[in-house]
C-alpha atoms as a PDB file:
ATOM      1  CA  MET A   1      15.643  -5.750   0.340  1.00  0.00           C
ATOM      2  CA  LYS A   2      14.981  -8.069  -2.640  1.00  0.00           C
ATOM      3  CA  THR A   3      11.478  -8.537  -4.771  1.00  0.00           C
ATOM      4  CA  ILE A   4      10.211 -10.664  -6.694  1.00  0.00           C
ATOM      5  CA  LEU A   5       7.284 -10.925  -8.651  1.00  0.00           C
ATOM      6  CA  PHE A   6       4.921 -13.004 -10.454  1.00  0.00           C
ATOM      7  CA  THR A   7       3.114 -13.875 -13.597  1.00  0.00           C
ATOM      8  CA  GLN A   8       1.976 -16.233 -16.049  1.00  0.00           C
ATOM      9  CA  ASN A   9       1.530 -13.621 -18.392  1.00  0.00           C
ATOM     10  CA  ASN A  10       4.641 -14.397 -20.883  1.00  0.00           C
ATOM     11  CA  SER A  11       4.122 -10.882 -22.512  1.00  0.00           C
ATOM     12  CA  LEU A  12       4.461  -9.461 -19.284  1.00  0.00           C
ATOM     13  CA  TYR A  13       7.387 -11.679 -18.226  1.00  0.00           C
ATOM     14  CA  ASN A  14       9.370 -10.402 -20.844  1.00  0.00           C
ATOM     15  CA  LEU A  15       8.528  -6.779 -19.871  1.00  0.00           C
ATOM     16  CA  TRP A  16       9.344  -6.844 -16.441  1.00  0.00           C
ATOM     17  CA  LEU A  17      12.578  -9.041 -17.730  1.00  0.00           C
ATOM     18  CA  SER A  18      13.959  -6.054 -19.899  1.00  0.00           C
ATOM     19  CA  TYR A  19      13.348  -3.789 -16.986  1.00  0.00           C
ATOM     20  CA  LYS A  20      17.095  -3.053 -15.022  1.00  0.00           C
ATOM     21  CA  LEU A  21      15.934  -3.842 -11.566  1.00  0.00           C
ATOM     22  CA  ASP A  22      18.016  -4.266  -8.931  1.00  0.00           C
ATOM     23  CA  ASP A  23      17.516  -7.703  -6.519  1.00  0.00           C
ATOM     24  CA  VAL A  24      14.242  -9.041  -8.430  1.00  0.00           C
ATOM     25  CA  GLN A  25      13.193 -12.790  -9.437  1.00  0.00           C
ATOM     26  CA  ILE A  26      10.478 -13.156 -12.140  1.00  0.00           C
ATOM     27  CA  LEU A  27       8.517 -16.342 -11.509  1.00  0.00           C
ATOM     28  CA  THR A  28       5.526 -17.951 -13.186  1.00  0.00           C
ATOM     29  CA  ASN A  29       5.439 -21.202 -11.456  1.00  0.00           C
ATOM     30  CA  LYS A  30       2.982 -20.148  -8.618  1.00  0.00           C
ATOM     31  CA  SER A  31       4.647 -23.394  -5.737  1.00  0.00           C
ATOM     32  CA  GLU A  32       8.007 -22.050  -6.897  1.00  0.00           C
ATOM     33  CA  PHE A  33       6.741 -18.411  -6.060  1.00  0.00           C
ATOM     34  CA  PHE A  34       5.567 -19.660  -2.865  1.00  0.00           C
ATOM     35  CA  LYS A  35       8.122 -21.565  -1.718  1.00  0.00           C
ATOM     36  CA  LEU A  36      10.345 -18.832  -2.721  1.00  0.00           C
ATOM     37  CA  LEU A  37       8.605 -16.002  -0.594  1.00  0.00           C
ATOM     38  CA  ARG A  38       7.956 -18.292   2.629  1.00  0.00           C
ATOM     39  CA  ASN A  39      12.602 -18.603   1.866  1.00  0.00           C
ATOM     40  CA  THR A  40      12.992 -14.594   2.103  1.00  0.00           C
ATOM     41  CA  LYS A  41      12.767 -13.109   5.064  1.00  0.00           C
ATOM     42  CA  GLU A  42      11.622  -9.099   3.592  1.00  0.00           C
ATOM     43  CA  CYS A  43      10.826  -8.245   0.264  1.00  0.00           C
ATOM     44  CA  ILE A  44       8.440  -7.108  -2.154  1.00  0.00           C
ATOM     45  CA  VAL A  45       6.194  -8.984  -3.671  1.00  0.00           C
ATOM     46  CA  GLY A  46       4.280  -7.826  -6.528  1.00  0.00           C
ATOM     47  CA  VAL A  47       1.916 -10.344  -8.002  1.00  0.00           C
ATOM     48  CA  GLU A  48      -0.035  -9.269 -10.913  1.00  0.00           C
ATOM     49  CA  LEU A  49      -3.558 -10.039 -10.344  1.00  0.00           C
ATOM     50  CA  SER A  50      -5.016 -11.683 -14.163  1.00  0.00           C
ATOM     51  CA  VAL A  51      -2.808 -15.103 -11.934  1.00  0.00           C
ATOM     52  CA  VAL A  52      -5.042 -15.309  -9.166  1.00  0.00           C
ATOM     53  CA  SER A  53      -9.498 -15.962  -8.755  1.00  0.00           C
ATOM     54  CA  GLU A  54      -9.916 -14.093  -5.349  1.00  0.00           C
ATOM     55  CA  LEU A  55      -7.922 -10.865  -4.467  1.00  0.00           C
ATOM     56  CA  SER A  56      -8.192 -10.810  -0.948  1.00  0.00           C
ATOM     57  CA  ALA A  57      -7.457 -14.766  -0.717  1.00  0.00           C
ATOM     58  CA  THR A  58      -4.250 -14.045  -2.800  1.00  0.00           C
ATOM     59  CA  ILE A  59      -3.028 -11.244   0.220  1.00  0.00           C
ATOM     60  CA  SER A  60      -3.916 -13.551   2.327  1.00  0.00           C
ATOM     61  CA  ALA A  61      -1.830 -16.145   1.392  1.00  0.00           C
ATOM     62  CA  ILE A  62       1.521 -14.610   0.792  1.00  0.00           C
ATOM     63  CA  PHE A  63       0.628 -12.456   4.238  1.00  0.00           C
ATOM     64  CA  ASN A  64       0.237 -16.969   5.621  1.00  0.00           C
ATOM     65  CA  GLU A  65       3.304 -17.771   4.381  1.00  0.00           C
ATOM     66  CA  ASN A  66       6.116 -14.266   4.992  1.00  0.00           C
ATOM     67  CA  ALA A  67       4.421 -11.886   7.549  1.00  0.00           C
ATOM     68  CA  ASN A  68       7.031  -9.326   6.795  1.00  0.00           C
ATOM     69  CA  ALA A  69       5.996  -9.392   3.209  1.00  0.00           C
ATOM     70  CA  LYS A  70       5.454  -5.646   1.126  1.00  0.00           C
ATOM     71  CA  ILE A  71       2.800  -6.397  -1.430  1.00  0.00           C
ATOM     72  CA  LEU A  72       2.444  -4.654  -4.689  1.00  0.00           C
ATOM     73  CA  ILE A  73      -0.597  -5.559  -6.419  1.00  0.00           C
ATOM     74  CA  LEU A  74      -0.151  -5.192 -10.324  1.00  0.00           C
ATOM     75  CA  SER A  75      -3.310  -4.646 -12.611  1.00  0.00           C
ATOM     76  CA  ASN A  76      -3.381  -4.757 -15.617  1.00  0.00           C
ATOM     77  CA  GLU A  77      -6.718  -2.872 -16.201  1.00  0.00           C
ATOM     78  CA  PRO A  78      -6.424  -0.569 -12.529  1.00  0.00           C
ATOM     79  CA  ASN A  79      -9.071   0.489 -11.245  1.00  0.00           C
ATOM     80  CA  PHE A  80     -10.046   3.279  -7.723  1.00  0.00           C
ATOM     81  CA  ASN A  81     -12.420   0.689  -6.184  1.00  0.00           C
ATOM     82  CA  GLU A  82     -10.351  -2.449  -6.678  1.00  0.00           C
ATOM     83  CA  GLY A  83      -7.478  -0.291  -5.451  1.00  0.00           C
ATOM     84  CA  LYS A  84      -9.022   1.588  -2.756  1.00  0.00           C
ATOM     85  CA  PHE A  85     -10.402  -2.508  -1.320  1.00  0.00           C
ATOM     86  CA  ALA A  86      -6.230  -4.050  -1.166  1.00  0.00           C
ATOM     87  CA  LEU A  87      -4.760  -1.177   0.116  1.00  0.00           C
ATOM     88  CA  ALA A  88      -7.322  -1.932   3.289  1.00  0.00           C
ATOM     89  CA  LEU A  89      -6.065  -5.151   2.751  1.00  0.00           C
ATOM     90  CA  GLY A  90      -2.476  -4.137   4.150  1.00  0.00           C
ATOM     91  CA  ILE A  91      -0.589  -3.828   0.687  1.00  0.00           C
ATOM     92  CA  LYS A  92       1.894  -1.304  -0.462  1.00  0.00           C
ATOM     93  CA  GLY A  93       1.117  -0.486  -3.681  1.00  0.00           C
ATOM     94  CA  TYR A  94      -1.038  -0.799  -6.953  1.00  0.00           C
ATOM     95  CA  ALA A  95      -0.532  -0.333  -9.857  1.00  0.00           C
ATOM     96  CA  ASN A  96      -0.628  -0.609 -14.047  1.00  0.00           C
ATOM     97  CA  SER A  97       1.520  -4.041 -14.438  1.00  0.00           C
ATOM     98  CA  HIS A  98       2.535  -2.731 -17.989  1.00  0.00           C
ATOM     99  CA  MET A  99       3.805   1.495 -16.113  1.00  0.00           C
ATOM    100  CA  GLN A 100       6.781   2.369 -17.614  1.00  0.00           C
ATOM    101  CA  GLU A 101      10.151   0.662 -16.457  1.00  0.00           C
ATOM    102  CA  ILE A 102      10.908   4.290 -14.564  1.00  0.00           C
ATOM    103  CA  HIS A 103       7.226   4.337 -12.486  1.00  0.00           C
ATOM    104  CA  PHE A 104       8.147   0.435 -11.588  1.00  0.00           C
ATOM    105  CA  LYS A 105      11.667   1.532  -9.889  1.00  0.00           C
ATOM    106  CA  ASP A 106      10.108   4.490  -8.816  1.00  0.00           C
ATOM    107  CA  ALA A 107       7.132   2.066  -6.755  1.00  0.00           C
ATOM    108  CA  LEU A 108       9.440  -0.021  -5.492  1.00  0.00           C
ATOM    109  CA  LYS A 109      11.811   2.673  -4.411  1.00  0.00           C
ATOM    110  CA  THR A 110       8.891   4.087  -2.400  1.00  0.00           C
ATOM    111  CA  ILE A 111       7.996   0.934  -0.772  1.00  0.00           C
ATOM    112  CA  LYS A 112      10.958  -0.764  -0.012  1.00  0.00           C
ATOM    113  CA  SER A 113      11.355   3.018   2.036  1.00  0.00           C
ATOM    114  CA  GLY A 114       7.797   2.345   3.820  1.00  0.00           C
ATOM    115  CA  GLN A 115       6.394   4.471   2.293  1.00  0.00           C
ATOM    116  CA  VAL A 116       2.656   3.302  -0.113  1.00  0.00           C
ATOM    117  CA  TRP A 117       2.886   3.388  -3.931  1.00  0.00           C
ATOM    118  CA  LEU A 118      -0.102   4.449  -6.057  1.00  0.00           C
ATOM    119  CA  TYR A 119      -0.690   5.515  -9.231  1.00  0.00           C
ATOM    120  CA  PRO A 120      -1.723   8.999  -9.624  1.00  0.00           C
ATOM    121  CA  GLU A 121      -4.549   9.170 -11.461  1.00  0.00           C
ATOM    122  CA  PHE A 122      -5.635   6.970  -8.661  1.00  0.00           C
ATOM    123  CA  ILE A 123      -4.431   9.636  -6.151  1.00  0.00           C
ATOM    124  CA  GLN A 124      -6.289  12.189  -8.019  1.00  0.00           C
ATOM    125  CA  GLN A 125      -9.490  10.369  -7.617  1.00  0.00           C
ATOM    126  CA  MET A 126      -9.044   9.699  -4.037  1.00  0.00           C
ATOM    127  CA  ILE A 127      -8.371  13.630  -3.210  1.00  0.00           C
ATOM    128  CA  SER A 128     -11.684  14.053  -5.441  1.00  0.00           C
ATOM    129  CA  GLN A 129     -13.723  12.236  -3.064  1.00  0.00           C
ATOM    130  CA  ILE A 130     -12.113  13.734  -0.538  1.00  0.00           C
ATOM    131  CA  THR A 131     -12.967  16.810  -1.312  1.00  0.00           C
ATOM    132  CA  GLN A 132     -16.534  16.176  -3.072  1.00  0.00           C
ATOM    133  CA  ASN A 133     -17.034  14.285   0.597  1.00  0.00           C
ATOM    134  CA  SER A 134     -16.026  17.403   2.588  1.00  0.00           C
ATOM    135  CA  GLU A 135     -18.660  20.413   3.445  1.00  0.00           C
ATOM    136  CA  ASN A 136     -15.659  22.729   4.369  1.00  0.00           C
ATOM    137  CA  LEU A 137     -11.878  20.943   2.917  1.00  0.00           C
ATOM    138  CA  ALA A 138     -10.195  24.294   5.042  1.00  0.00           C
ATOM    139  CA  GLU A 139     -11.979  23.823   8.047  1.00  0.00           C
ATOM    140  CA  GLN A 140     -11.194  19.903   7.763  1.00  0.00           C
ATOM    141  CA  SER A 141      -7.056  20.575   7.429  1.00  0.00           C
ATOM    142  CA  SER A 142      -7.216  22.887   9.992  1.00  0.00           C
ATOM    143  CA  ALA A 143      -8.303  19.572  13.087  1.00  0.00           C
ATOM    144  CA  PHE A 144      -4.752  18.611  12.350  1.00  0.00           C
ATOM    145  CA  GLY A 145      -3.763  20.986  14.954  1.00  0.00           C
ATOM    146  CA  GLU A 146      -6.442  19.807  16.890  1.00  0.00           C
ATOM    147  CA  LEU A 147      -4.820  16.824  17.407  1.00  0.00           C
ATOM    148  CA  SER A 148      -2.207  15.604  20.411  1.00  0.00           C
ATOM    149  CA  ASN A 149       0.956  15.034  20.392  1.00  0.00           C
ATOM    150  CA  ARG A 150       0.649  10.970  20.618  1.00  0.00           C
ATOM    151  CA  GLU A 151      -1.749  11.078  17.976  1.00  0.00           C
ATOM    152  CA  LYS A 152       0.008  13.331  15.517  1.00  0.00           C
ATOM    153  CA  GLU A 153       3.052  10.627  15.702  1.00  0.00           C
ATOM    154  CA  ILE A 154       0.380   8.058  15.283  1.00  0.00           C
ATOM    155  CA  ALA A 155      -1.206  10.175  12.001  1.00  0.00           C
ATOM    156  CA  ASN A 156       2.658  10.275  11.154  1.00  0.00           C
ATOM    157  CA  LEU A 157       3.147   6.489  10.714  1.00  0.00           C
ATOM    158  CA  ILE A 158      -0.220   5.808   9.073  1.00  0.00           C
ATOM    159  CA  LYS A 159       0.710   8.016   6.888  1.00  0.00           C
ATOM    160  CA  LYS A 160       4.224   6.727   6.517  1.00  0.00           C
ATOM    161  CA  GLY A 161       2.242   3.435   5.110  1.00  0.00           C
ATOM    162  CA  TYR A 162       3.018   1.185   8.946  1.00  0.00           C
ATOM    163  CA  THR A 163      -0.066  -1.317   9.793  1.00  0.00           C
ATOM    164  CA  ASN A 164      -1.668  -0.150  13.171  1.00  0.00           C
ATOM    165  CA  LYS A 165       0.549  -3.802  14.500  1.00  0.00           C
ATOM    166  CA  GLU A 166       3.436  -1.843  13.717  1.00  0.00           C
ATOM    167  CA  ILE A 167       2.295   1.085  15.328  1.00  0.00           C
ATOM    168  CA  ALA A 168       1.328  -0.508  18.004  1.00  0.00           C
ATOM    169  CA  GLU A 169       5.427  -1.904  18.215  1.00  0.00           C
ATOM    170  CA  ILE A 170       6.749   1.570  17.002  1.00  0.00           C
ATOM    171  CA  SER A 171       5.238   3.693  19.716  1.00  0.00           C
ATOM    172  CA  GLY A 172       5.091   1.069  22.709  1.00  0.00           C
ATOM    173  CA  ILE A 173       1.470   0.838  22.875  1.00  0.00           C
ATOM    174  CA  THR A 174      -1.532  -1.957  22.641  1.00  0.00           C
ATOM    175  CA  LEU A 175      -3.102  -2.518  19.243  1.00  0.00           C
ATOM    176  CA  ARG A 176      -5.858  -1.924  21.313  1.00  0.00           C
ATOM    177  CA  THR A 177      -5.234   2.206  22.207  1.00  0.00           C
ATOM    178  CA  VAL A 178      -3.634   2.332  18.271  1.00  0.00           C
ATOM    179  CA  LYS A 179      -7.091   1.767  16.603  1.00  0.00           C
ATOM    180  CA  ALA A 180      -8.621   3.955  19.970  1.00  0.00           C
ATOM    181  CA  HIS A 181      -6.352   6.363  18.569  1.00  0.00           C
ATOM    182  CA  THR A 182      -7.251   6.193  14.597  1.00  0.00           C
ATOM    183  CA  THR A 183     -10.412   5.684  15.244  1.00  0.00           C
ATOM    184  CA  ALA A 184     -10.239   9.334  17.123  1.00  0.00           C
ATOM    185  CA  ILE A 185      -7.334  10.713  14.515  1.00  0.00           C
ATOM    186  CA  TYR A 186     -10.306  10.371  11.640  1.00  0.00           C
ATOM    187  CA  ASN A 187     -13.201  11.605  13.601  1.00  0.00           C
ATOM    188  CA  LYS A 188     -12.094  14.787  14.323  1.00  0.00           C
ATOM    189  CA  VAL A 189     -10.024  15.696  10.810  1.00  0.00           C
ATOM    190  CA  GLY A 190     -13.336  14.210   8.643  1.00  0.00           C
ATOM    191  CA  VAL A 191     -11.557  11.342   7.221  1.00  0.00           C
ATOM    192  CA  LYS A 192     -13.513   7.859   6.757  1.00  0.00           C
ATOM    193  CA  ASP A 193     -10.719   5.762   6.909  1.00  0.00           C
ATOM    194  CA  ARG A 194      -6.621   5.754   6.387  1.00  0.00           C
ATOM    195  CA  ILE A 195      -6.220   6.352   2.553  1.00  0.00           C
ATOM    196  CA  GLY A 196      -8.376   9.027   3.043  1.00  0.00           C
ATOM    197  CA  LEU A 197      -6.477  10.291   6.068  1.00  0.00           C
ATOM    198  CA  VAL A 198      -2.832  10.021   4.207  1.00  0.00           C
ATOM    199  CA  LEU A 199      -3.895  11.601   0.874  1.00  0.00           C
ATOM    200  CA  LEU A 200      -4.888  14.984   2.721  1.00  0.00           C
ATOM    201  CA  MET A 201      -1.729  14.662   5.161  1.00  0.00           C
ATOM    202  CA  GLN A 202       0.086  14.693   1.562  1.00  0.00           C
ATOM    203  CA  GLN A 203      -2.150  18.207   0.535  1.00  0.00           C
ATOM    204  CA  ASN A 204      -1.719  19.517   3.367  1.00  0.00           C
ATOM    205  CA  GLY A 205       1.943  19.019   3.389  1.00  0.00           C
END
């Protein structure tokens, strides 16, 4: 799977260029970036945030050009609220744009496998938030046993990073049914959204 990276920061361009990344193209021109995006069937798209004016509009524009794009948002100063907002818009990864080569490779490998990649501090903060919001974490965790077989199947697909639309296609059910199942899952295990569900599942193996 090809990786397309976009930045207009020369130091970042040189940093990424120095990494030994497989099948990667780094672009600095926006029109060339979107042209390549349109002409690439499946790809991971890494966008450095300082070059975009509005996050949600940028993510929408990428999906409009390539519905199959797996988006990695790269921020010079990543923060929890921004990452959570971006994840809700359907991205597959959120990271520090200056992260080390080994972490960059790990992020691309994880996203390529269909899972979501987040920087460690983000995960810890999310787990902390879940714990604080839960009166009884053990009770919350045991609620997984109350899920129906279909709900467990959908929960596992959510954990793997699939969107509701993708889950509907994989499971052979309607998008409306998927949404009904996800709402039921969240209510049963005591989380507010898919991020909370994924992190709770990771905590419980």
